[in-house]
Amino acid sequence: MHRKEFISKMLLATGAGALLLFNACESVFDNDSAYQVNESKCTGCGDCVKSCSHNAISLSGGVATISSSSCTSCGNCVKSCKHGAISN
């Protein structure tokens, strides 16, 4: 389950206007919620690295790598990739 989806469901279920999550257990969220890099399309240009305000993307061996524990699925990397190498 994506973090945004989890939070939306919790807001609906509780009727609350906001949720405060302290030390939220990461296992609640799927590790697959992070975006994925298609290595055959990635040119290693680094535009996605620059676009990620969560520092979840790095270049390794000339290919972007996305950390599933840091990725918030905001989609900035997808928008910045001119080669269509990033998807969910």
C-alpha atoms as a PDB file:
ATOM      1  CA  MET A   1       0.000   0.000   0.000  1.00  0.00           C
ATOM      2  CA  HIS A   2       1.373   3.426  -0.886  1.00  0.00           C
ATOM      3  CA  ARG A   3       1.859   5.898   1.935  1.00  0.00           C
ATOM      4  CA  LYS A   4      -0.610   8.364   0.433  1.00  0.00           C
ATOM      5  CA  GLU A   5      -3.203   5.613   0.023  1.00  0.00           C
ATOM      6  CA  PHE A   6      -2.662   4.451   3.612  1.00  0.00           C
ATOM      7  CA  ILE A   7      -3.068   7.960   4.989  1.00  0.00           C
ATOM      8  CA  SER A   8      -6.190   8.586   2.891  1.00  0.00           C
ATOM      9  CA  LYS A   9      -7.764   5.351   4.136  1.00  0.00           C
ATOM     10  CA  MET A  10      -6.926   6.181   7.737  1.00  0.00           C
ATOM     11  CA  LEU A  11      -8.441   9.654   7.409  1.00  0.00           C
ATOM     12  CA  LEU A  12     -11.624   8.188   5.968  1.00  0.00           C
ATOM     13  CA  ALA A  13     -11.801   5.408   8.547  1.00  0.00           C
ATOM     14  CA  THR A  14     -11.311   7.699  11.525  1.00  0.00           C
ATOM     15  CA  GLY A  15     -13.178  10.739  10.238  1.00  0.00           C
ATOM     16  CA  ALA A  16     -10.218  12.800  11.375  1.00  0.00           C
ATOM     17  CA  GLY A  17      -9.102  15.944   9.618  1.00  0.00           C
ATOM     18  CA  ALA A  18      -5.441  15.065  10.127  1.00  0.00           C
ATOM     19  CA  LEU A  19      -3.234  12.228  11.302  1.00  0.00           C
ATOM     20  CA  LEU A  20      -0.017  12.445  13.239  1.00  0.00           C
ATOM     21  CA  LEU A  21       2.250   9.492  12.578  1.00  0.00           C
ATOM     22  CA  PHE A  22       5.089   9.128  15.036  1.00  0.00           C
ATOM     23  CA  ASN A  23       7.671   6.486  14.252  1.00  0.00           C
ATOM     24  CA  ALA A  24       5.317   4.912  11.729  1.00  0.00           C
ATOM     25  CA  CYS A  25       6.376   1.340  11.145  1.00  0.00           C
ATOM     26  CA  GLU A  26       7.851   1.128   7.655  1.00  0.00           C
ATOM     27  CA  SER A  27       6.514  -2.412   7.274  1.00  0.00           C
ATOM     28  CA  VAL A  28       3.000  -0.941   7.003  1.00  0.00           C
ATOM     29  CA  PHE A  29       3.990   0.292   3.578  1.00  0.00           C
ATOM     30  CA  ASP A  30       4.974  -1.835   0.598  1.00  0.00           C
ATOM     31  CA  ASN A  31       8.628  -1.625  -0.292  1.00  0.00           C
ATOM     32  CA  ASP A  32       7.459  -1.751  -3.910  1.00  0.00           C
ATOM     33  CA  SER A  33       5.804   1.660  -3.592  1.00  0.00           C
ATOM     34  CA  ALA A  34       8.984   3.334  -4.797  1.00  0.00           C
ATOM     35  CA  TYR A  35       9.350   4.112  -8.449  1.00  0.00           C
ATOM     36  CA  GLN A  36      11.476   1.781 -10.548  1.00  0.00           C
ATOM     37  CA  VAL A  37      14.210   2.559 -13.075  1.00  0.00           C
ATOM     38  CA  ASN A  38      14.275   0.782 -16.426  1.00  0.00           C
ATOM     39  CA  GLU A  39      18.032   0.388 -16.775  1.00  0.00           C
ATOM     40  CA  SER A  40      17.854  -0.084 -20.523  1.00  0.00           C
ATOM     41  CA  LYS A  41      16.289   3.386 -20.905  1.00  0.00           C
ATOM     42  CA  CYS A  42      18.328   5.209 -18.254  1.00  0.00           C
ATOM     43  CA  THR A  43      21.164   7.310 -19.691  1.00  0.00           C
ATOM     44  CA  GLY A  44      22.583   8.366 -16.327  1.00  0.00           C
ATOM     45  CA  CYS A  45      21.988  12.054 -17.055  1.00  0.00           C
ATOM     46  CA  GLY A  46      21.126  12.764 -13.398  1.00  0.00           C
ATOM     47  CA  ASP A  47      18.030  14.888 -13.999  1.00  0.00           C
ATOM     48  CA  CYS A  48      16.017  12.620 -11.690  1.00  0.00           C
ATOM     49  CA  VAL A  49      18.643  12.942  -8.953  1.00  0.00           C
ATOM     50  CA  LYS A  50      18.375  16.738  -9.135  1.00  0.00           C
ATOM     51  CA  SER A  51      14.571  16.624  -9.093  1.00  0.00           C
ATOM     52  CA  CYS A  52      14.282  14.448  -5.981  1.00  0.00           C
ATOM     53  CA  SER A  53      13.859  16.619  -2.895  1.00  0.00           C
ATOM     54  CA  HIS A  54      13.972  13.506  -0.678  1.00  0.00           C
ATOM     55  CA  ASN A  55      17.475  12.419  -1.775  1.00  0.00           C
ATOM     56  CA  ALA A  56      16.058   9.024  -2.695  1.00  0.00           C
ATOM     57  CA  ILE A  57      17.877   8.733  -6.028  1.00  0.00           C
ATOM     58  CA  SER A  58      21.547   8.172  -6.715  1.00  0.00           C
ATOM     59  CA  LEU A  59      23.622   7.204  -9.723  1.00  0.00           C
ATOM     60  CA  SER A  60      25.471   3.924  -9.540  1.00  0.00           C
ATOM     61  CA  GLY A  61      27.432   2.611 -12.493  1.00  0.00           C
ATOM     62  CA  GLY A  62      25.882   5.281 -14.714  1.00  0.00           C
ATOM     63  CA  VAL A  63      22.308   4.226 -13.876  1.00  0.00           C
ATOM     64  CA  ALA A  64      19.798   5.808 -11.486  1.00  0.00           C
ATOM     65  CA  THR A  65      18.887   3.840  -8.375  1.00  0.00           C
ATOM     66  CA  ILE A  66      15.855   4.715  -6.229  1.00  0.00           C
ATOM     67  CA  SER A  67      15.847   3.942  -2.508  1.00  0.00           C
ATOM     68  CA  SER A  68      12.477   2.416  -1.618  1.00  0.00           C
ATOM     69  CA  SER A  69      12.890   3.514   2.000  1.00  0.00           C
ATOM     70  CA  SER A  70      13.357   7.182   1.044  1.00  0.00           C
ATOM     71  CA  CYS A  71      11.028   7.436  -1.960  1.00  0.00           C
ATOM     72  CA  THR A  72       7.692   9.115  -1.203  1.00  0.00           C
ATOM     73  CA  SER A  73       6.260   8.428  -4.684  1.00  0.00           C
ATOM     74  CA  CYS A  74       5.874  12.149  -5.345  1.00  0.00           C
ATOM     75  CA  GLY A  75       6.538  11.617  -9.065  1.00  0.00           C
ATOM     76  CA  ASN A  76       9.038  14.442  -9.578  1.00  0.00           C
ATOM     77  CA  CYS A  77      11.571  11.985 -10.992  1.00  0.00           C
ATOM     78  CA  VAL A  78       9.076  10.657 -13.539  1.00  0.00           C
ATOM     79  CA  LYS A  79       8.300  14.186 -14.722  1.00  0.00           C
ATOM     80  CA  SER A  80      11.988  15.080 -14.993  1.00  0.00           C
ATOM     81  CA  CYS A  81      13.079  11.969 -16.942  1.00  0.00           C
ATOM     82  CA  LYS A  82      13.186  12.818 -20.642  1.00  0.00           C
ATOM     83  CA  HIS A  83      13.844   9.182 -21.517  1.00  0.00           C
ATOM     84  CA  GLY A  84      10.821   7.599 -19.821  1.00  0.00           C
ATOM     85  CA  ALA A  85      13.086   5.407 -17.717  1.00  0.00           C
ATOM     86  CA  ILE A  86      11.183   5.767 -14.430  1.00  0.00           C
ATOM     87  CA  SER A  87       7.795   4.271 -13.640  1.00  0.00           C
ATOM     88  CA  ASN A  88       5.802   2.946 -10.717  1.00  0.00           C
END
